[in-house]
C-alpha atoms as a PDB file:
ATOM      1  CA  MET A   1       0.000   0.000   0.000  1.00  0.00           C
ATOM      2  CA  ILE A   2       2.794   2.429   0.886  1.00  0.00           C
ATOM      3  CA  LYS A   3       4.562   1.643  -2.398  1.00  0.00           C
ATOM      4  CA  LYS A   4       1.368   2.385  -4.356  1.00  0.00           C
ATOM      5  CA  LEU A   5       0.889   5.654  -2.475  1.00  0.00           C
ATOM      6  CA  LEU A   6       4.495   6.704  -3.165  1.00  0.00           C
ATOM      7  CA  LEU A   7       4.087   5.808  -6.850  1.00  0.00           C
ATOM      8  CA  ILE A   8       0.908   7.915  -7.055  1.00  0.00           C
ATOM      9  CA  LEU A   9       2.648  10.876  -5.353  1.00  0.00           C
ATOM     10  CA  ILE A  10       5.642  10.659  -7.699  1.00  0.00           C
ATOM     11  CA  THR A  11       3.342  10.480 -10.731  1.00  0.00           C
ATOM     12  CA  LEU A  12       1.339  13.503  -9.533  1.00  0.00           C
ATOM     13  CA  THR A  13       4.539  15.467  -8.937  1.00  0.00           C
ATOM     14  CA  LEU A  14       5.776  14.712 -12.448  1.00  0.00           C
ATOM     15  CA  LEU A  15       2.404  15.645 -13.939  1.00  0.00           C
ATOM     16  CA  MET A  16       2.373  18.934 -12.011  1.00  0.00           C
ATOM     17  CA  GLY A  17       5.843  19.713 -13.379  1.00  0.00           C
ATOM     18  CA  CYS A  18       4.631  19.107 -16.939  1.00  0.00           C
ATOM     19  CA  VAL A  19       1.569  21.296 -16.406  1.00  0.00           C
ATOM     20  CA  ASN A  20       3.695  24.139 -14.968  1.00  0.00           C
ATOM     21  CA  ALA A  21       6.276  23.976 -17.780  1.00  0.00           C
ATOM     22  CA  MET A  22       5.939  26.939 -20.092  1.00  0.00           C
ATOM     23  CA  ASP A  23       5.892  26.400 -23.838  1.00  0.00           C
ATOM     24  CA  SER A  24       7.894  29.204 -25.434  1.00  0.00           C
ATOM     25  CA  SER A  25       8.380  27.491 -28.787  1.00  0.00           C
ATOM     26  CA  ASN A  26       6.133  30.006 -30.564  1.00  0.00           C
ATOM     27  CA  TRP A  27       7.668  33.120 -28.955  1.00  0.00           C
ATOM     28  CA  THR A  28       9.549  35.605 -31.113  1.00  0.00           C
ATOM     29  CA  THR A  29      13.182  36.424 -30.392  1.00  0.00           C
ATOM     30  CA  ALA A  30      15.236  39.601 -30.109  1.00  0.00           C
ATOM     31  CA  ASN A  31      18.993  40.088 -30.251  1.00  0.00           C
ATOM     32  CA  VAL A  32      20.239  42.185 -27.364  1.00  0.00           C
ATOM     33  CA  GLY A  33      23.967  42.483 -26.825  1.00  0.00           C
ATOM     34  CA  TYR A  34      25.451  39.118 -27.713  1.00  0.00           C
ATOM     35  CA  GLU A  35      22.368  37.056 -26.881  1.00  0.00           C
ATOM     36  CA  GLU A  36      19.144  36.054 -28.559  1.00  0.00           C
ATOM     37  CA  PHE A  37      16.325  36.324 -26.022  1.00  0.00           C
ATOM     38  CA  LYS A  38      12.881  34.803 -26.320  1.00  0.00           C
ATOM     39  CA  ILE A  39      10.218  37.506 -26.101  1.00  0.00           C
ATOM     40  CA  PRO A  40       6.784  36.670 -24.626  1.00  0.00           C
ATOM     41  CA  PRO A  41       3.842  37.261 -26.996  1.00  0.00           C
ATOM     42  CA  LYS A  42       2.440  40.069 -24.822  1.00  0.00           C
ATOM     43  CA  TYR A  43       5.693  42.023 -25.291  1.00  0.00           C
ATOM     44  CA  GLU A  44       6.095  41.641 -29.048  1.00  0.00           C
ATOM     45  CA  ASN A  45       6.199  44.680 -31.359  1.00  0.00           C
ATOM     46  CA  PRO A  46       8.602  46.826 -29.336  1.00  0.00           C
ATOM     47  CA  TYR A  47       8.636  50.571 -28.960  1.00  0.00           C
ATOM     48  CA  SER A  48      12.402  50.389 -29.638  1.00  0.00           C
ATOM     49  CA  SER A  49      14.938  47.629 -30.265  1.00  0.00           C
ATOM     50  CA  ASP A  50      18.674  47.796 -30.959  1.00  0.00           C
ATOM     51  CA  PHE A  51      21.957  46.184 -29.924  1.00  0.00           C
ATOM     52  CA  HIS A  52      21.796  47.582 -26.387  1.00  0.00           C
ATOM     53  CA  MET A  53      18.123  47.305 -25.507  1.00  0.00           C
ATOM     54  CA  TYR A  54      14.737  45.807 -26.307  1.00  0.00           C
ATOM     55  CA  GLU A  55      12.023  48.166 -25.004  1.00  0.00           C
ATOM     56  CA  TYR A  56       8.445  47.025 -25.288  1.00  0.00           C
ATOM     57  CA  ASP A  57       7.041  50.387 -24.160  1.00  0.00           C
ATOM     58  CA  GLU A  58       8.236  53.983 -23.932  1.00  0.00           C
ATOM     59  CA  ASP A  59       8.168  53.400 -20.157  1.00  0.00           C
ATOM     60  CA  ILE A  60      11.154  51.063 -19.707  1.00  0.00           C
ATOM     61  CA  ASP A  61       9.640  49.613 -16.518  1.00  0.00           C
ATOM     62  CA  VAL A  62       6.871  47.833 -18.462  1.00  0.00           C
ATOM     63  CA  PHE A  63       9.248  45.316 -20.071  1.00  0.00           C
ATOM     64  CA  THR A  64      12.855  45.816 -21.142  1.00  0.00           C
ATOM     65  CA  VAL A  65      15.859  43.597 -21.804  1.00  0.00           C
ATOM     66  CA  ARG A  66      19.118  45.561 -21.611  1.00  0.00           C
ATOM     67  CA  TYR A  67      22.764  44.780 -22.312  1.00  0.00           C
ATOM     68  CA  VAL A  68      24.665  46.617 -19.564  1.00  0.00           C
ATOM     69  CA  ASN A  69      28.391  45.946 -20.000  1.00  0.00           C
ATOM     70  CA  PRO A  70      29.171  49.375 -21.502  1.00  0.00           C
ATOM     71  CA  ALA A  71      27.667  51.085 -18.427  1.00  0.00           C
ATOM     72  CA  ILE A  72      27.720  48.353 -15.785  1.00  0.00           C
ATOM     73  CA  MET A  73      29.375  50.468 -13.071  1.00  0.00           C
ATOM     74  CA  SER A  74      27.054  53.476 -13.278  1.00  0.00           C
ATOM     75  CA  LEU A  75      23.871  51.426 -13.775  1.00  0.00           C
ATOM     76  CA  TYR A  76      24.546  48.866 -11.050  1.00  0.00           C
ATOM     77  CA  GLY A  77      25.655  51.541  -8.586  1.00  0.00           C
ATOM     78  CA  TYR A  78      22.542  53.566  -9.324  1.00  0.00           C
ATOM     79  CA  PHE A  79      20.317  50.499  -8.869  1.00  0.00           C
ATOM     80  CA  ILE A  80      21.940  49.632  -5.535  1.00  0.00           C
ATOM     81  CA  GLU A  81      21.340  53.136  -4.209  1.00  0.00           C
ATOM     82  CA  HIS A  82      17.876  53.809  -5.670  1.00  0.00           C
ATOM     83  CA  ASN A  83      15.895  50.601  -5.168  1.00  0.00           C
ATOM     84  CA  ASN A  84      14.056  49.523  -2.041  1.00  0.00           C
ATOM     85  CA  ILE A  85      15.174  45.893  -2.089  1.00  0.00           C
ATOM     86  CA  ALA A  86      18.100  44.027  -3.651  1.00  0.00           C
ATOM     87  CA  LYS A  87      18.102  40.270  -3.187  1.00  0.00           C
ATOM     88  CA  LYS A  88      20.434  37.529  -4.444  1.00  0.00           C
ATOM     89  CA  VAL A  89      18.438  34.843  -6.259  1.00  0.00           C
ATOM     90  CA  LYS A  90      18.883  31.935  -8.665  1.00  0.00           C
ATOM     91  CA  VAL A  91      16.719  32.080 -11.823  1.00  0.00           C
ATOM     92  CA  ALA A  92      16.723  29.387 -14.517  1.00  0.00           C
ATOM     93  CA  GLY A  93      20.218  28.320 -13.487  1.00  0.00           C
ATOM     94  CA  HIS A  94      21.583  31.896 -13.455  1.00  0.00           C
ATOM     95  CA  ASP A  95      22.893  33.704 -10.402  1.00  0.00           C
ATOM     96  CA  ALA A  96      21.060  37.005 -10.275  1.00  0.00           C
ATOM     97  CA  VAL A  97      20.188  40.106  -8.259  1.00  0.00           C
ATOM     98  CA  HIS A  98      16.503  41.033  -8.050  1.00  0.00           C
ATOM     99  CA  PHE A  99      15.864  44.745  -7.479  1.00  0.00           C
ATOM    100  CA  LEU A 100      12.442  45.898  -6.379  1.00  0.00           C
ATOM    101  CA  SER A 101      11.188  49.475  -6.165  1.00  0.00           C
ATOM    102  CA  TYR A 102       7.880  51.250  -5.835  1.00  0.00           C
ATOM    103  CA  ASP A 103       6.987  53.922  -8.406  1.00  0.00           C
ATOM    104  CA  ARG A 104       4.596  56.381  -6.791  1.00  0.00           C
ATOM    105  CA  HIS A 105       3.794  58.037 -10.143  1.00  0.00           C
ATOM    106  CA  ASP A 106       2.553  54.748 -11.630  1.00  0.00           C
ATOM    107  CA  ASP A 107       1.411  53.360  -8.262  1.00  0.00           C
ATOM    108  CA  ALA A 108       3.194  50.115  -9.144  1.00  0.00           C
ATOM    109  CA  ASN A 109       6.046  47.874  -8.077  1.00  0.00           C
ATOM    110  CA  ASN A 110       8.856  47.537 -10.602  1.00  0.00           C
ATOM    111  CA  SER A 111      11.444  44.782 -10.807  1.00  0.00           C
ATOM    112  CA  LYS A 112      14.833  44.530 -12.435  1.00  0.00           C
ATOM    113  CA  LEU A 113      16.769  41.273 -12.592  1.00  0.00           C
ATOM    114  CA  TRP A 114      20.527  41.445 -13.185  1.00  0.00           C
ATOM    115  CA  PHE A 115      22.236  38.281 -14.469  1.00  0.00           C
ATOM    116  CA  SER A 116      25.029  37.221 -16.779  1.00  0.00           C
ATOM    117  CA  ALA A 117      24.984  35.224 -19.986  1.00  0.00           C
ATOM    118  CA  GLY A 118      28.325  34.061 -21.305  1.00  0.00           C
ATOM    119  CA  GLU A 119      30.729  36.779 -20.151  1.00  0.00           C
ATOM    120  CA  GLU A 120      28.235  39.617 -20.517  1.00  0.00           C
ATOM    121  CA  PHE A 121      25.781  41.242 -18.087  1.00  0.00           C
ATOM    122  CA  TYR A 122      22.116  41.984 -18.716  1.00  0.00           C
ATOM    123  CA  TYR A 123      19.019  43.036 -16.863  1.00  0.00           C
ATOM    124  CA  ILE A 124      15.334  42.495 -17.468  1.00  0.00           C
ATOM    125  CA  ALA A 125      12.878  45.116 -16.189  1.00  0.00           C
ATOM    126  CA  TRP A 126       9.175  44.439 -15.732  1.00  0.00           C
ATOM    127  CA  ARG A 127       6.115  45.628 -13.845  1.00  0.00           C
ATOM    128  CA  GLY A 128       5.493  43.573 -10.735  1.00  0.00           C
ATOM    129  CA  GLU A 129       7.280  42.288  -7.693  1.00  0.00           C
ATOM    130  CA  ASN A 130       7.512  38.557  -8.455  1.00  0.00           C
ATOM    131  CA  ILE A 131       9.858  36.676 -10.749  1.00  0.00           C
ATOM    132  CA  THR A 132       7.141  35.075 -12.856  1.00  0.00           C
ATOM    133  CA  PRO A 133       7.417  31.929 -15.024  1.00  0.00           C
ATOM    134  CA  THR A 134       7.442  34.278 -18.042  1.00  0.00           C
ATOM    135  CA  ILE A 135      10.501  36.154 -16.758  1.00  0.00           C
ATOM    136  CA  LYS A 136      12.197  32.855 -15.894  1.00  0.00           C
ATOM    137  CA  GLU A 137      11.639  31.687 -19.470  1.00  0.00           C
ATOM    138  CA  VAL A 138      13.261  34.847 -20.861  1.00  0.00           C
ATOM    139  CA  VAL A 139      16.307  34.293 -18.623  1.00  0.00           C
ATOM    140  CA  LYS A 140      16.376  30.602 -19.547  1.00  0.00           C
ATOM    141  CA  SER A 141      16.628  31.510 -23.241  1.00  0.00           C
ATOM    142  CA  ALA A 142      20.033  33.167 -22.650  1.00  0.00           C
ATOM    143  CA  SER A 143      23.365  31.331 -22.599  1.00  0.00           C
ATOM    144  CA  LYS A 144      24.673  30.002 -19.323  1.00  0.00           C
ATOM    145  CA  SER A 145      26.979  32.322 -17.418  1.00  0.00           C
ATOM    146  CA  LYS A 146      30.718  31.673 -17.679  1.00  0.00           C
ATOM    147  CA  TYR A 147      31.156  33.012 -14.142  1.00  0.00           C
ATOM    148  CA  SER A 148      31.042  30.985 -10.965  1.00  0.00           C
ATOM    149  CA  HIS A 149      28.652  32.021  -8.191  1.00  0.00           C
ATOM    150  CA  GLU A 150      31.472  33.864  -6.394  1.00  0.00           C
ATOM    151  CA  GLU A 151      32.851  35.507  -9.548  1.00  0.00           C
ATOM    152  CA  PHE A 152      29.444  36.842 -10.547  1.00  0.00           C
ATOM    153  CA  TYR A 153      28.833  38.579  -7.230  1.00  0.00           C
ATOM    154  CA  ASP A 154      32.475  39.690  -6.905  1.00  0.00           C
ATOM    155  CA  ILE A 155      32.278  41.471 -10.275  1.00  0.00           C
ATOM    156  CA  LEU A 156      29.091  43.300  -9.303  1.00  0.00           C
ATOM    157  CA  ASN A 157      30.505  44.210  -5.887  1.00  0.00           C
ATOM    158  CA  GLU A 158      33.690  45.564  -7.489  1.00  0.00           C
ATOM    159  CA  GLU A 159      31.638  47.659  -9.919  1.00  0.00           C
ATOM    160  CA  TYR A 160      29.665  49.086  -6.998  1.00  0.00           C
ATOM    161  CA  GLN A 161      32.870  49.939  -5.114  1.00  0.00           C
ATOM    162  CA  ASN A 162      34.160  51.728  -8.255  1.00  0.00           C
ATOM    163  CA  TYR A 163      30.846  53.595  -8.483  1.00  0.00           C
ATOM    164  CA  LYS A 164      31.247  54.841  -4.897  1.00  0.00           C
ATOM    165  CA  ILE A 165      34.857  55.942  -5.527  1.00  0.00           C
ATOM    166  CA  VAL A 166      33.939  57.830  -8.689  1.00  0.00           C
ATOM    167  CA  ASN A 167      30.990  59.510  -6.942  1.00  0.00           C
ATOM    168  CA  ALA A 168      33.234  60.515  -4.032  1.00  0.00           C
ATOM    169  CA  ILE A 169      35.796  62.014  -6.420  1.00  0.00           C
ATOM    170  CA  GLU A 170      33.087  63.832  -8.367  1.00  0.00           C
ATOM    171  CA  SER A 171      31.629  65.138  -5.116  1.00  0.00           C
ATOM    172  CA  GLN A 172      35.032  66.430  -3.948  1.00  0.00           C
ATOM    173  CA  ARG A 173      35.667  68.027  -7.310  1.00  0.00           C
ATOM    174  CA  SER A 174      32.388  69.933  -7.158  1.00  0.00           C
ATOM    175  CA  ASP A 175      33.067  70.939  -3.529  1.00  0.00           C
ATOM    176  CA  TYR A 176      36.431  72.465  -4.488  1.00  0.00           C
ATOM    177  CA  SER A 177      35.626  73.811  -7.923  1.00  0.00           C
ATOM    178  CA  THR A 178      37.651  76.755  -9.121  1.00  0.00           C
ATOM    179  CA  SER A 179      36.536  79.805 -11.003  1.00  0.00           C
ATOM    180  CA  ASP A 180      38.926  79.015 -13.856  1.00  0.00           C
ATOM    181  CA  SER A 181      36.520  78.226 -16.657  1.00  0.00           C
ATOM    182  CA  GLY A 182      39.404  77.008 -18.852  1.00  0.00           C
ATOM    183  CA  SER A 183      39.960  73.874 -16.716  1.00  0.00           C
ATOM    184  CA  HIS A 184      37.908  70.693 -16.852  1.00  0.00           C
ATOM    185  CA  GLY A 185      38.199  67.805 -14.434  1.00  0.00           C
ATOM    186  CA  PHE A 186      37.749  64.194 -15.442  1.00  0.00           C
ATOM    187  CA  VAL A 187      37.338  60.783 -13.855  1.00  0.00           C
ATOM    188  CA  SER A 188      37.945  57.601 -15.822  1.00  0.00           C
ATOM    189  CA  VAL A 189      37.515  53.965 -14.935  1.00  0.00           C
ATOM    190  CA  GLY A 190      39.181  51.290 -17.029  1.00  0.00           C
ATOM    191  CA  THR A 191      41.113  48.070 -16.916  1.00  0.00           C
ATOM    192  CA  ASN A 192      44.094  49.941 -15.434  1.00  0.00           C
ATOM    193  CA  GLY A 193      42.058  51.247 -12.525  1.00  0.00           C
ATOM    194  CA  ILE A 194      40.549  54.633 -11.757  1.00  0.00           C
ATOM    195  CA  GLY A 195      42.161  57.849 -12.942  1.00  0.00           C
ATOM    196  CA  PHE A 196      41.308  61.497 -12.476  1.00  0.00           C
ATOM    197  CA  GLY A 197      42.862  64.825 -13.315  1.00  0.00           C
ATOM    198  CA  VAL A 198      42.376  68.252 -14.796  1.00  0.00           C
ATOM    199  CA  ILE A 199      42.518  69.223 -18.444  1.00  0.00           C
ATOM    200  CA  THR A 200      43.368  72.869 -19.151  1.00  0.00           C
END
């Protein structure tokens, strides 16, 4: 009797998994950065789509897939400092950071999910506070990350530390600005570290 009951439970569990599986075979795709993402039917026909971003609506919080490597430091730093919640999660086999904020103008919760595919970083933005099966399917359509769990979070943490350093330098520069209109300060971040100076 116990064996029959266990067999029934296992069968029900497998059936539930099949029912919950999402069929994305008929979804369209969009190339963003170096990945081809599956796009849910409700977000087809974008407002704008190019190498860096797929925007379904003029309001990027409705649904957006963005390639962030060119601006990873400034975007990630901004997200850390301007979102209510940042939580480490695992989505479709990808290490990720789920940002959640409340938009009082739209009276809505907005989410952004940062993850990597291959060696590149991306985020998906959408209305809502939960990582839905639809969002999981979009993430699943991307390549697996080439970074380990530790490497992924170390890279993001390092970018945030750089963001804080650059902001501190910029803040000091504005605090001690001179009246010499012929001089321009600069801050640069690159593979050789952070540099700053004055161009006259």
